[in-house]
C-alpha atoms as a PDB file:
ATOM      1  CA  MET A   1      95.817  27.297 183.058  1.00  0.00           C
ATOM      2  CA  GLY A   2      98.255  29.184 181.129  1.00  0.00           C
ATOM      3  CA  LYS A   3     100.236  31.630 182.943  1.00  0.00           C
ATOM      4  CA  VAL A   4      99.453  35.224 183.189  1.00  0.00           C
ATOM      5  CA  ILE A   5     102.018  38.152 181.500  1.00  0.00           C
ATOM      6  CA  THR A   6     101.740  42.068 182.542  1.00  0.00           C
ATOM      7  CA  PHE A   7     103.687  44.551 181.384  1.00  0.00           C
ATOM      8  CA  GLY A   8     104.801  47.937 182.446  1.00  0.00           C
ATOM      9  CA  GLU A   9     107.189  50.242 184.853  1.00  0.00           C
ATOM     10  CA  LEU A  10     107.891  48.975 188.742  1.00  0.00           C
ATOM     11  CA  MET A  11     108.192  52.513 190.986  1.00  0.00           C
ATOM     12  CA  VAL A  12     109.392  52.959 194.213  1.00  0.00           C
ATOM     13  CA  ARG A  13     106.659  54.463 195.783  1.00  0.00           C
ATOM     14  CA  LEU A  14     107.296  57.482 198.656  1.00  0.00           C
ATOM     15  CA  GLN A  15     104.706  58.870 200.994  1.00  0.00           C
ATOM     16  CA  PRO A  16     104.351  61.117 203.798  1.00  0.00           C
ATOM     17  CA  TYR A  17     103.584  58.408 207.001  1.00  0.00           C
ATOM     18  CA  ASN A  18      99.657  59.092 207.994  1.00  0.00           C
ATOM     19  CA  TYR A  19      98.051  61.802 206.209  1.00  0.00           C
ATOM     20  CA  GLU A  20     100.798  64.328 206.264  1.00  0.00           C
ATOM     21  CA  ARG A  21     101.011  66.647 203.726  1.00  0.00           C
ATOM     22  CA  PHE A  22     104.848  66.873 201.258  1.00  0.00           C
ATOM     23  CA  VAL A  23     105.345  70.074 203.269  1.00  0.00           C
ATOM     24  CA  GLN A  24     104.927  68.925 206.693  1.00  0.00           C
ATOM     25  CA  ALA A  25     106.564  65.546 206.404  1.00  0.00           C
ATOM     26  CA  ASP A  26     110.356  65.051 207.589  1.00  0.00           C
ATOM     27  CA  HIS A  27     110.782  60.706 206.906  1.00  0.00           C
ATOM     28  CA  LEU A  28     108.671  58.866 204.191  1.00  0.00           C
ATOM     29  CA  GLU A  29     107.313  55.589 203.533  1.00  0.00           C
ATOM     30  CA  PHE A  30     109.182  53.472 200.957  1.00  0.00           C
ATOM     31  CA  SER A  31     107.699  50.429 198.895  1.00  0.00           C
ATOM     32  CA  PHE A  32     107.418  49.501 195.158  1.00  0.00           C
ATOM     33  CA  GLY A  33     103.987  49.296 192.846  1.00  0.00           C
ATOM     34  CA  GLY A  34     102.891  49.497 189.378  1.00  0.00           C
ATOM     35  CA  GLY A  35      99.282  49.200 187.214  1.00  0.00           C
ATOM     36  CA  GLU A  36     100.649  46.065 186.346  1.00  0.00           C
ATOM     37  CA  ALA A  37     103.289  44.384 188.854  1.00  0.00           C
ATOM     38  CA  ASN A  38     100.040  45.176 190.930  1.00  0.00           C
ATOM     39  CA  VAL A  39      97.668  42.999 188.789  1.00  0.00           C
ATOM     40  CA  ALA A  40     100.537  40.262 188.625  1.00  0.00           C
ATOM     41  CA  VAL A  41     100.554  40.178 192.861  1.00  0.00           C
ATOM     42  CA  SER A  42      96.417  39.983 193.123  1.00  0.00           C
ATOM     43  CA  LEU A  43      96.579  36.908 190.451  1.00  0.00           C
ATOM     44  CA  ALA A  44      99.627  35.275 192.251  1.00  0.00           C
ATOM     45  CA  ASN A  45      97.705  35.655 195.506  1.00  0.00           C
ATOM     46  CA  TYR A  46      94.462  34.349 193.563  1.00  0.00           C
ATOM     47  CA  GLY A  47      96.739  31.132 192.649  1.00  0.00           C
ATOM     48  CA  LEU A  48      97.541  31.890 189.085  1.00  0.00           C
ATOM     49  CA  ASP A  49     100.857  31.859 187.408  1.00  0.00           C
ATOM     50  CA  ALA A  50     101.130  34.964 186.891  1.00  0.00           C
ATOM     51  CA  ALA A  51     104.773  36.575 185.113  1.00  0.00           C
ATOM     52  CA  TYR A  52     105.436  40.383 185.014  1.00  0.00           C
ATOM     53  CA  VAL A  53     107.746  41.676 182.098  1.00  0.00           C
ATOM     54  CA  THR A  54     109.806  44.969 182.789  1.00  0.00           C
ATOM     55  CA  LYS A  55     113.669  46.606 182.862  1.00  0.00           C
ATOM     56  CA  LEU A  56     115.312  47.118 186.164  1.00  0.00           C
ATOM     57  CA  PRO A  57     118.782  48.216 187.139  1.00  0.00           C
ATOM     58  CA  ALA A  58     121.157  45.534 188.375  1.00  0.00           C
ATOM     59  CA  HIS A  59     121.892  46.888 191.595  1.00  0.00           C
ATOM     60  CA  ALA A  60     120.190  47.101 194.973  1.00  0.00           C
ATOM     61  CA  ILE A  61     117.072  48.946 194.636  1.00  0.00           C
ATOM     62  CA  GLY A  62     116.326  47.230 191.366  1.00  0.00           C
ATOM     63  CA  GLN A  63     116.686  43.873 193.254  1.00  0.00           C
ATOM     64  CA  ALA A  64     114.757  45.175 195.889  1.00  0.00           C
ATOM     65  CA  ALA A  65     111.639  46.183 193.327  1.00  0.00           C
ATOM     66  CA  VAL A  66     111.957  42.609 192.005  1.00  0.00           C
ATOM     67  CA  ASN A  67     111.594  41.144 195.188  1.00  0.00           C
ATOM     68  CA  SER A  68     108.909  42.871 196.379  1.00  0.00           C
ATOM     69  CA  LEU A  69     107.270  40.473 193.806  1.00  0.00           C
ATOM     70  CA  ARG A  70     108.422  37.962 194.217  1.00  0.00           C
ATOM     71  CA  ARG A  71     107.389  37.595 198.353  1.00  0.00           C
ATOM     72  CA  TYR A  72     104.463  37.259 196.804  1.00  0.00           C
ATOM     73  CA  GLY A  73     104.697  34.781 194.056  1.00  0.00           C
ATOM     74  CA  VAL A  74     104.925  36.694 191.147  1.00  0.00           C
ATOM     75  CA  ASP A  75     107.338  34.724 188.359  1.00  0.00           C
ATOM     76  CA  THR A  76     110.497  38.001 187.748  1.00  0.00           C
ATOM     77  CA  SER A  77     112.072  35.006 186.014  1.00  0.00           C
ATOM     78  CA  LEU A  78     111.336  37.189 182.256  1.00  0.00           C
ATOM     79  CA  ILE A  79     112.150  40.759 184.143  1.00  0.00           C
ATOM     80  CA  VAL A  80     115.614  42.309 182.175  1.00  0.00           C
ATOM     81  CA  ARG A  81     117.937  43.789 183.929  1.00  0.00           C
ATOM     82  CA  GLY A  82     119.819  47.042 182.811  1.00  0.00           C
ATOM     83  CA  GLY A  83     119.710  50.835 183.186  1.00  0.00           C
ATOM     84  CA  ASP A  84     120.552  53.732 185.861  1.00  0.00           C
ATOM     85  CA  ARG A  85     117.799  53.967 187.341  1.00  0.00           C
ATOM     86  CA  VAL A  86     114.386  52.630 188.685  1.00  0.00           C
ATOM     87  CA  GLY A  87     111.184  55.557 188.676  1.00  0.00           C
ATOM     88  CA  ILE A  88     110.069  56.755 191.516  1.00  0.00           C
ATOM     89  CA  TYR A  89     106.558  58.210 192.683  1.00  0.00           C
ATOM     90  CA  PHE A  90     105.755  60.361 195.494  1.00  0.00           C
ATOM     91  CA  ASN A  91     102.340  59.972 197.155  1.00  0.00           C
ATOM     92  CA  GLU A  92     100.338  62.350 199.269  1.00  0.00           C
ATOM     93  CA  LYS A  93      97.509  60.679 201.020  1.00  0.00           C
ATOM     94  CA  GLY A  94      93.718  63.326 201.030  1.00  0.00           C
ATOM     95  CA  ALA A  95      91.947  62.936 203.522  1.00  0.00           C
ATOM     96  CA  SER A  96      88.311  64.136 203.798  1.00  0.00           C
ATOM     97  CA  GLN A  97      87.915  67.209 201.387  1.00  0.00           C
ATOM     98  CA  ARG A  98      91.509  67.515 200.363  1.00  0.00           C
ATOM     99  CA  GLY A  99      92.716  65.099 197.293  1.00  0.00           C
ATOM    100  CA  SER A 100      95.198  62.670 197.007  1.00  0.00           C
ATOM    101  CA  VAL A 101      98.194  64.516 195.388  1.00  0.00           C
ATOM    102  CA  CYS A 102     100.525  62.155 193.091  1.00  0.00           C
ATOM    103  CA  ILE A 103     104.213  63.770 191.413  1.00  0.00           C
ATOM    104  CA  TYR A 104     106.518  61.575 189.590  1.00  0.00           C
ATOM    105  CA  ASP A 105     110.030  61.611 189.001  1.00  0.00           C
ATOM    106  CA  ARG A 106     110.318  58.802 186.471  1.00  0.00           C
ATOM    107  CA  ALA A 107     112.028  60.455 183.347  1.00  0.00           C
ATOM    108  CA  HIS A 108     114.997  57.952 182.447  1.00  0.00           C
ATOM    109  CA  SER A 109     114.122  55.183 184.013  1.00  0.00           C
ATOM    110  CA  ALA A 110     115.585  51.905 183.185  1.00  0.00           C
ATOM    111  CA  ILE A 111     112.291  50.470 181.209  1.00  0.00           C
ATOM    112  CA  GLN A 112     111.736  54.449 179.942  1.00  0.00           C
ATOM    113  CA  GLU A 113     114.785  53.935 178.003  1.00  0.00           C
ATOM    114  CA  ALA A 114     114.161  50.272 177.228  1.00  0.00           C
ATOM    115  CA  SER A 115     114.507  48.997 173.202  1.00  0.00           C
ATOM    116  CA  SER A 116     112.729  46.829 171.047  1.00  0.00           C
ATOM    117  CA  SER A 117     115.830  44.679 171.432  1.00  0.00           C
ATOM    118  CA  ASP A 118     115.280  44.023 175.614  1.00  0.00           C
ATOM    119  CA  PHE A 119     112.254  41.638 175.167  1.00  0.00           C
ATOM    120  CA  ASP A 120     111.988  38.292 173.181  1.00  0.00           C
ATOM    121  CA  TRP A 121     108.224  38.356 172.908  1.00  0.00           C
ATOM    122  CA  ASP A 122     108.119  34.981 171.240  1.00  0.00           C
ATOM    123  CA  LYS A 123     109.765  33.424 174.889  1.00  0.00           C
ATOM    124  CA  ILE A 124     107.836  35.423 176.930  1.00  0.00           C
ATOM    125  CA  PHE A 125     103.795  34.395 175.629  1.00  0.00           C
ATOM    126  CA  ASP A 126     105.331  30.493 175.640  1.00  0.00           C
ATOM    127  CA  GLY A 127     102.715  29.137 177.120  1.00  0.00           C
ATOM    128  CA  ALA A 128     100.810  32.684 178.095  1.00  0.00           C
ATOM    129  CA  GLU A 129      97.227  32.572 177.866  1.00  0.00           C
ATOM    130  CA  TRP A 130      96.453  36.175 178.727  1.00  0.00           C
ATOM    131  CA  PHE A 131      98.315  39.307 178.729  1.00  0.00           C
ATOM    132  CA  HIS A 132      97.811  42.712 180.277  1.00  0.00           C
ATOM    133  CA  PHE A 133      98.976  46.040 179.927  1.00  0.00           C
ATOM    134  CA  THR A 134      97.909  49.698 180.590  1.00  0.00           C
ATOM    135  CA  GLY A 135      97.699  52.827 179.029  1.00  0.00           C
ATOM    136  CA  ILE A 136     100.305  53.990 181.359  1.00  0.00           C
ATOM    137  CA  THR A 137     103.157  51.763 180.066  1.00  0.00           C
ATOM    138  CA  PRO A 138     103.075  53.417 176.155  1.00  0.00           C
ATOM    139  CA  ALA A 139     102.720  56.911 177.685  1.00  0.00           C
ATOM    140  CA  LEU A 140     106.442  56.623 178.949  1.00  0.00           C
ATOM    141  CA  GLY A 141     108.012  57.575 175.666  1.00  0.00           C
ATOM    142  CA  PRO A 142     107.350  56.217 172.146  1.00  0.00           C
ATOM    143  CA  ASN A 143     109.769  53.863 172.391  1.00  0.00           C
ATOM    144  CA  MET A 144     106.986  52.135 174.632  1.00  0.00           C
ATOM    145  CA  VAL A 145     104.100  52.661 171.769  1.00  0.00           C
ATOM    146  CA  ASP A 146     106.410  50.792 169.675  1.00  0.00           C
ATOM    147  CA  ILE A 147     107.666  47.851 172.727  1.00  0.00           C
ATOM    148  CA  CYS A 148     103.951  47.470 173.454  1.00  0.00           C
ATOM    149  CA  ARG A 149     102.888  46.733 169.853  1.00  0.00           C
ATOM    150  CA  GLU A 150     105.360  44.451 169.215  1.00  0.00           C
ATOM    151  CA  ALA A 151     103.687  42.907 172.141  1.00  0.00           C
ATOM    152  CA  CYS A 152     100.538  42.830 171.366  1.00  0.00           C
ATOM    153  CA  LYS A 153     100.726  41.567 167.934  1.00  0.00           C
ATOM    154  CA  ALA A 154     103.452  38.590 169.177  1.00  0.00           C
ATOM    155  CA  ALA A 155     100.634  37.439 171.880  1.00  0.00           C
ATOM    156  CA  LYS A 156      97.881  37.314 169.447  1.00  0.00           C
ATOM    157  CA  ALA A 157     100.175  35.935 166.388  1.00  0.00           C
ATOM    158  CA  LYS A 158     100.015  33.003 169.508  1.00  0.00           C
ATOM    159  CA  GLY A 159      96.140  33.469 170.365  1.00  0.00           C
ATOM    160  CA  VAL A 160      96.833  34.901 174.014  1.00  0.00           C
ATOM    161  CA  LYS A 161      93.793  37.266 175.340  1.00  0.00           C
ATOM    162  CA  ILE A 162      94.478  40.644 175.515  1.00  0.00           C
ATOM    163  CA  SER A 163      93.466  42.963 178.554  1.00  0.00           C
ATOM    164  CA  CYS A 164      94.338  46.899 178.466  1.00  0.00           C
ATOM    165  CA  ASP A 165      93.397  49.299 181.459  1.00  0.00           C
ATOM    166  CA  LEU A 166      92.982  52.766 179.487  1.00  0.00           C
ATOM    167  CA  ASN A 167      94.822  54.635 182.599  1.00  0.00           C
ATOM    168  CA  TYR A 168      95.016  58.107 180.707  1.00  0.00           C
ATOM    169  CA  ARG A 169      97.688  60.030 182.816  1.00  0.00           C
ATOM    170  CA  GLY A 170      97.653  63.727 182.152  1.00  0.00           C
ATOM    171  CA  LYS A 171     101.104  64.740 183.525  1.00  0.00           C
ATOM    172  CA  LEU A 172     102.849  61.674 181.556  1.00  0.00           C
ATOM    173  CA  TRP A 173     101.117  62.901 178.256  1.00  0.00           C
ATOM    174  CA  THR A 174      98.415  64.583 176.541  1.00  0.00           C
ATOM    175  CA  ARG A 175      95.370  63.549 175.009  1.00  0.00           C
ATOM    176  CA  ASP A 176      96.148  63.840 171.353  1.00  0.00           C
ATOM    177  CA  GLN A 177      98.761  61.576 171.955  1.00  0.00           C
ATOM    178  CA  ALA A 178      97.211  59.307 174.024  1.00  0.00           C
ATOM    179  CA  ARG A 179      93.961  59.161 171.000  1.00  0.00           C
ATOM    180  CA  SER A 180      96.950  58.105 168.579  1.00  0.00           C
ATOM    181  CA  ALA A 181      98.868  55.608 170.519  1.00  0.00           C
ATOM    182  CA  MET A 182      96.089  53.779 172.069  1.00  0.00           C
ATOM    183  CA  SER A 183      93.703  53.970 168.891  1.00  0.00           C
ATOM    184  CA  ASP A 184      96.475  52.118 167.463  1.00  0.00           C
ATOM    185  CA  LEU A 185      96.947  49.464 170.117  1.00  0.00           C
ATOM    186  CA  CYS A 186      93.733  48.799 171.187  1.00  0.00           C
ATOM    187  CA  GLN A 187      92.755  47.427 167.762  1.00  0.00           C
ATOM    188  CA  TYR A 188      94.789  43.916 169.746  1.00  0.00           C
ATOM    189  CA  VAL A 189      92.688  43.753 172.587  1.00  0.00           C
ATOM    190  CA  ASP A 190      89.805  41.696 174.084  1.00  0.00           C
ATOM    191  CA  VAL A 191      88.911  43.200 177.278  1.00  0.00           C
ATOM    192  CA  CYS A 192      89.411  46.842 177.835  1.00  0.00           C
ATOM    193  CA  ILE A 193      88.703  48.562 180.971  1.00  0.00           C
ATOM    194  CA  SER A 194      88.478  51.909 181.606  1.00  0.00           C
ATOM    195  CA  ASN A 195      86.696  54.274 184.179  1.00  0.00           C
ATOM    196  CA  GLU A 196      84.536  57.637 184.437  1.00  0.00           C
ATOM    197  CA  GLU A 197      87.027  59.628 182.486  1.00  0.00           C
ATOM    198  CA  ASP A 198      89.366  57.299 180.481  1.00  0.00           C
ATOM    199  CA  ALA A 199      86.876  57.183 177.493  1.00  0.00           C
ATOM    200  CA  LYS A 200      86.296  60.377 177.611  1.00  0.00           C
ATOM    201  CA  ASP A 201      89.835  61.533 177.465  1.00  0.00           C
ATOM    202  CA  VAL A 202      91.649  59.208 175.756  1.00  0.00           C
ATOM    203  CA  PHE A 203      88.867  58.897 173.033  1.00  0.00           C
ATOM    204  CA  GLY A 204      86.385  61.659 173.349  1.00  0.00           C
ATOM    205  CA  ILE A 205      83.575  58.844 174.254  1.00  0.00           C
ATOM    206  CA  GLU A 206      81.250  60.284 176.961  1.00  0.00           C
ATOM    207  CA  ALA A 207      78.553  59.188 179.276  1.00  0.00           C
ATOM    208  CA  GLU A 208      75.372  61.310 179.424  1.00  0.00           C
ATOM    209  CA  ALA A 209      73.785  63.249 182.487  1.00  0.00           C
ATOM    210  CA  THR A 210      76.591  61.769 184.611  1.00  0.00           C
ATOM    211  CA  ASP A 211      78.591  64.162 186.828  1.00  0.00           C
ATOM    212  CA  ILE A 212      81.824  62.273 188.305  1.00  0.00           C
ATOM    213  CA  TYR A 213      82.695  65.213 190.295  1.00  0.00           C
ATOM    214  CA  ALA A 214      78.909  65.539 192.214  1.00  0.00           C
ATOM    215  CA  GLY A 215      78.909  61.577 192.361  1.00  0.00           C
ATOM    216  CA  GLU A 216      76.171  61.007 189.719  1.00  0.00           C
ATOM    217  CA  ILE A 217      76.122  57.847 187.904  1.00  0.00           C
ATOM    218  CA  ASN A 218      73.352  57.393 184.932  1.00  0.00           C
ATOM    219  CA  ARG A 219      73.217  53.359 184.137  1.00  0.00           C
ATOM    220  CA  GLU A 220      72.180  54.168 180.503  1.00  0.00           C
ATOM    221  CA  GLY A 221      75.116  56.529 179.660  1.00  0.00           C
ATOM    222  CA  TYR A 222      77.292  53.858 180.576  1.00  0.00           C
ATOM    223  CA  LYS A 223      76.124  51.613 178.706  1.00  0.00           C
ATOM    224  CA  SER A 224      76.443  53.848 175.761  1.00  0.00           C
ATOM    225  CA  VAL A 225      79.982  54.070 176.304  1.00  0.00           C
ATOM    226  CA  ALA A 226      81.153  50.794 176.694  1.00  0.00           C
ATOM    227  CA  LYS A 227      78.963  49.738 172.995  1.00  0.00           C
ATOM    228  CA  GLN A 228      80.544  52.740 171.226  1.00  0.00           C
ATOM    229  CA  LEU A 229      84.473  51.524 172.379  1.00  0.00           C
ATOM    230  CA  ALA A 230      83.294  48.048 171.366  1.00  0.00           C
ATOM    231  CA  ASP A 231      81.926  49.115 167.999  1.00  0.00           C
ATOM    232  CA  ARG A 232      85.073  51.189 167.676  1.00  0.00           C
ATOM    233  CA  PHE A 233      87.400  48.220 168.003  1.00  0.00           C
ATOM    234  CA  GLY A 234      86.499  45.427 168.074  1.00  0.00           C
ATOM    235  CA  PHE A 235      86.284  44.549 172.038  1.00  0.00           C
ATOM    236  CA  GLU A 236      84.827  41.628 173.192  1.00  0.00           C
ATOM    237  CA  LYS A 237      84.179  43.290 176.748  1.00  0.00           C
ATOM    238  CA  VAL A 238      84.189  46.110 177.998  1.00  0.00           C
ATOM    239  CA  SER A 239      83.837  47.502 181.727  1.00  0.00           C
ATOM    240  CA  ILE A 240      83.387  50.581 183.628  1.00  0.00           C
ATOM    241  CA  THR A 241      84.822  51.407 187.065  1.00  0.00           C
ATOM    242  CA  LEU A 242      82.279  53.948 188.628  1.00  0.00           C
ATOM    243  CA  ARG A 243      83.485  56.054 190.698  1.00  0.00           C
ATOM    244  CA  GLU A 244      80.956  58.190 193.064  1.00  0.00           C
ATOM    245  CA  SER A 245      83.639  60.450 194.926  1.00  0.00           C
ATOM    246  CA  ARG A 246      82.292  62.186 197.929  1.00  0.00           C
ATOM    247  CA  SER A 247      85.370  62.968 198.696  1.00  0.00           C
ATOM    248  CA  ALA A 248      88.775  61.597 198.875  1.00  0.00           C
ATOM    249  CA  SER A 249      87.753  59.558 202.628  1.00  0.00           C
ATOM    250  CA  ASP A 250      84.502  58.182 201.301  1.00  0.00           C
ATOM    251  CA  ASN A 251      83.967  56.929 197.993  1.00  0.00           C
ATOM    252  CA  GLY A 252      80.527  54.849 196.130  1.00  0.00           C
ATOM    253  CA  TRP A 253      82.242  51.789 194.310  1.00  0.00           C
ATOM    254  CA  SER A 254      80.443  49.783 191.309  1.00  0.00           C
ATOM    255  CA  ALA A 255      81.365  48.514 187.902  1.00  0.00           C
ATOM    256  CA  MET A 256      79.667  47.836 184.402  1.00  0.00           C
ATOM    257  CA  LEU A 257      80.632  44.789 182.331  1.00  0.00           C
ATOM    258  CA  TYR A 258      79.339  44.706 178.885  1.00  0.00           C
ATOM    259  CA  ASP A 259      79.765  41.125 176.755  1.00  0.00           C
ATOM    260  CA  VAL A 260      79.373  41.767 173.384  1.00  0.00           C
ATOM    261  CA  LYS A 261      78.345  38.465 172.784  1.00  0.00           C
ATOM    262  CA  SER A 262      75.625  37.620 174.646  1.00  0.00           C
ATOM    263  CA  GLY A 263      74.519  41.470 174.734  1.00  0.00           C
ATOM    264  CA  GLU A 264      74.312  40.799 178.653  1.00  0.00           C
ATOM    265  CA  TYR A 265      75.386  44.593 180.600  1.00  0.00           C
ATOM    266  CA  CYS A 266      76.230  43.768 184.382  1.00  0.00           C
ATOM    267  CA  PHE A 267      76.082  45.942 186.945  1.00  0.00           C
ATOM    268  CA  SER A 268      77.763  45.155 190.266  1.00  0.00           C
ATOM    269  CA  LYS A 269      76.236  45.859 193.794  1.00  0.00           C
ATOM    270  CA  LYS A 270      77.728  49.221 194.939  1.00  0.00           C
ATOM    271  CA  TYR A 271      80.179  49.343 197.963  1.00  0.00           C
ATOM    272  CA  ASP A 272      80.153  52.929 200.016  1.00  0.00           C
ATOM    273  CA  LEU A 273      83.881  52.858 200.922  1.00  0.00           C
ATOM    274  CA  ARG A 274      86.145  54.127 203.741  1.00  0.00           C
ATOM    275  CA  ILE A 275      88.899  54.205 202.045  1.00  0.00           C
ATOM    276  CA  ILE A 276      92.633  53.499 203.572  1.00  0.00           C
ATOM    277  CA  ASP A 277      94.386  53.774 200.225  1.00  0.00           C
ATOM    278  CA  ARG A 278      93.038  54.418 196.582  1.00  0.00           C
ATOM    279  CA  VAL A 279      96.226  53.733 194.830  1.00  0.00           C
ATOM    280  CA  GLY A 280      96.022  50.453 193.371  1.00  0.00           C
ATOM    281  CA  GLY A 281      92.013  50.309 193.178  1.00  0.00           C
ATOM    282  CA  GLY A 282      91.717  49.956 189.936  1.00  0.00           C
ATOM    283  CA  ASP A 283      94.221  47.530 189.042  1.00  0.00           C
ATOM    284  CA  SER A 284      93.123  45.104 191.647  1.00  0.00           C
ATOM    285  CA  PHE A 285      89.618  45.264 189.983  1.00  0.00           C
ATOM    286  CA  GLY A 286      91.643  44.084 186.577  1.00  0.00           C
ATOM    287  CA  GLY A 287      93.032  41.730 188.589  1.00  0.00           C
ATOM    288  CA  GLY A 288      90.221  40.355 190.156  1.00  0.00           C
ATOM    289  CA  LEU A 289      88.018  40.053 186.533  1.00  0.00           C
ATOM    290  CA  ILE A 290      91.112  38.562 184.615  1.00  0.00           C
ATOM    291  CA  TYR A 291      90.908  36.089 187.415  1.00  0.00           C
ATOM    292  CA  SER A 292      87.344  36.079 187.006  1.00  0.00           C
ATOM    293  CA  LEU A 293      87.126  35.201 183.143  1.00  0.00           C
ATOM    294  CA  MET A 294      90.181  33.011 183.241  1.00  0.00           C
ATOM    295  CA  THR A 295      88.406  30.869 185.458  1.00  0.00           C
ATOM    296  CA  GLY A 296      85.158  30.602 183.595  1.00  0.00           C
ATOM    297  CA  LYS A 297      82.758  33.033 185.681  1.00  0.00           C
ATOM    298  CA  SER A 298      79.472  34.614 184.268  1.00  0.00           C
ATOM    299  CA  THR A 299      79.618  38.102 183.330  1.00  0.00           C
ATOM    300  CA  GLN A 300      77.563  39.111 186.973  1.00  0.00           C
ATOM    301  CA  ALA A 301      79.718  36.956 188.773  1.00  0.00           C
ATOM    302  CA  ALA A 302      82.869  37.775 187.248  1.00  0.00           C
ATOM    303  CA  VAL A 303      81.837  41.817 187.404  1.00  0.00           C
ATOM    304  CA  GLU A 304      80.975  41.241 191.448  1.00  0.00           C
ATOM    305  CA  PHE A 305      84.335  39.606 191.683  1.00  0.00           C
ATOM    306  CA  ALA A 306      86.001  42.260 190.488  1.00  0.00           C
ATOM    307  CA  VAL A 307      84.341  44.961 191.811  1.00  0.00           C
ATOM    308  CA  ALA A 308      84.604  43.266 195.315  1.00  0.00           C
ATOM    309  CA  ALA A 309      88.231  42.734 194.795  1.00  0.00           C
ATOM    310  CA  SER A 310      88.843  46.379 194.763  1.00  0.00           C
ATOM    311  CA  ALA A 311      86.468  47.430 197.474  1.00  0.00           C
ATOM    312  CA  LEU A 312      88.851  45.471 199.791  1.00  0.00           C
ATOM    313  CA  LYS A 313      91.694  46.875 198.432  1.00  0.00           C
ATOM    314  CA  HIS A 314      90.731  50.247 199.391  1.00  0.00           C
ATOM    315  CA  SER A 315      91.315  49.280 202.667  1.00  0.00           C
ATOM    316  CA  ILE A 316      94.555  48.240 202.608  1.00  0.00           C
ATOM    317  CA  GLU A 317      97.917  50.405 202.544  1.00  0.00           C
ATOM    318  CA  GLY A 318     100.261  50.032 199.747  1.00  0.00           C
ATOM    319  CA  ASP A 319     100.143  49.420 195.976  1.00  0.00           C
ATOM    320  CA  TYR A 320      99.493  45.434 196.180  1.00  0.00           C
ATOM    321  CA  ASN A 321      95.969  44.361 197.291  1.00  0.00           C
ATOM    322  CA  MET A 322      96.874  41.153 199.300  1.00  0.00           C
ATOM    323  CA  VAL A 323      93.498  39.419 199.485  1.00  0.00           C
ATOM    324  CA  THR A 324      92.630  35.395 199.000  1.00  0.00           C
ATOM    325  CA  VAL A 325      90.149  34.260 196.648  1.00  0.00           C
ATOM    326  CA  ALA A 326      88.097  33.011 199.469  1.00  0.00           C
ATOM    327  CA  GLU A 327      87.989  36.950 201.030  1.00  0.00           C
ATOM    328  CA  VAL A 328      86.752  38.284 197.637  1.00  0.00           C
ATOM    329  CA  GLU A 329      84.268  35.522 197.303  1.00  0.00           C
ATOM    330  CA  LYS A 330      82.828  36.384 201.116  1.00  0.00           C
ATOM    331  CA  LEU A 331      82.198  39.745 200.404  1.00  0.00           C
ATOM    332  CA  ALA A 332      80.843  39.580 196.869  1.00  0.00           C
ATOM    333  CA  GLY A 333      78.508  36.853 198.692  1.00  0.00           C
ATOM    334  CA  GLY A 334      77.117  39.405 200.893  1.00  0.00           C
ATOM    335  CA  ASP A 335      79.475  38.940 203.392  1.00  0.00           C
ATOM    336  CA  GLY A 336      81.025  43.313 204.027  1.00  0.00           C
ATOM    337  CA  SER A 337      80.013  43.174 208.176  1.00  0.00           C
ATOM    338  CA  GLY A 338      84.079  43.504 209.223  1.00  0.00           C
ATOM    339  CA  ARG A 339      83.064  41.110 212.246  1.00  0.00           C
ATOM    340  CA  ILE A 340      86.416  40.021 213.454  1.00  0.00           C
ATOM    341  CA  GLN A 341      87.666  36.249 212.337  1.00  0.00           C
ATOM    342  CA  ARG A 342      88.698  34.197 215.274  1.00  0.00           C
END
């Protein structure tokens, strides 16, 4: 099986301990995370050959970021070293009716100031089977839109499958900027991953009779969203994660996968989550979906595996989903009892 390449920004994550607010905290937890890096860790934990591409400074913090991936078996040999700083995000974990808060400090990071000459995509995609990026990466600046486009063109030239999680971030760019850039990039994408809001925010495509804040899900509306996305961009598959937000602590979690060739719309079972950490939840879904499609799972089995993987991630502190294939398959198979293993 070929290598999976993921491309994006790896950041320092700083977070108050427990569920403290920023204004309460006098010390912070230090870890690393970032959308595409989180996917690479999932895939490496599942036994796939996963390589992560980014640009990081050649100082000690940059090396600590690299090491955070290497410890889980991610191939870091393609990471470019240079620039002056690692981006930071501050995360305040929500609880009950108080939502989480994320504050970015990523301006002038090494990857944000990267240039096309930093990445030899022909070399990077040598022996690769799959390429994954998210809408967060081109949101870092016009130069990153260009670099993502170059990556997609090189991947297509080598017959590499491309997946993209739309991941709209309103703190990074406007809806008009996102629509322009992602309309261009999505012409290269084979598998699109979205959620309740992204399709609306980026492309103006909205599920009917659905209130994401009230937690009301209309399946027919999401079938329509998936078909509209596929028809517009020629995607082979469209997956939409469905989060029913009852509070910051309790969510309903499920997903749909639309396979264009067969015309199948497959909905997963729904999990009632008590959330420990929701950051990286969508990335863990993406990692589970890529693993499932690369290993030949059926449409239904693929979405069940991806949702189960993500359900488990919500119980794990930090960005990375540290679970095995066996653990995911156990949950997907119906064992969600949480009983102690002896």
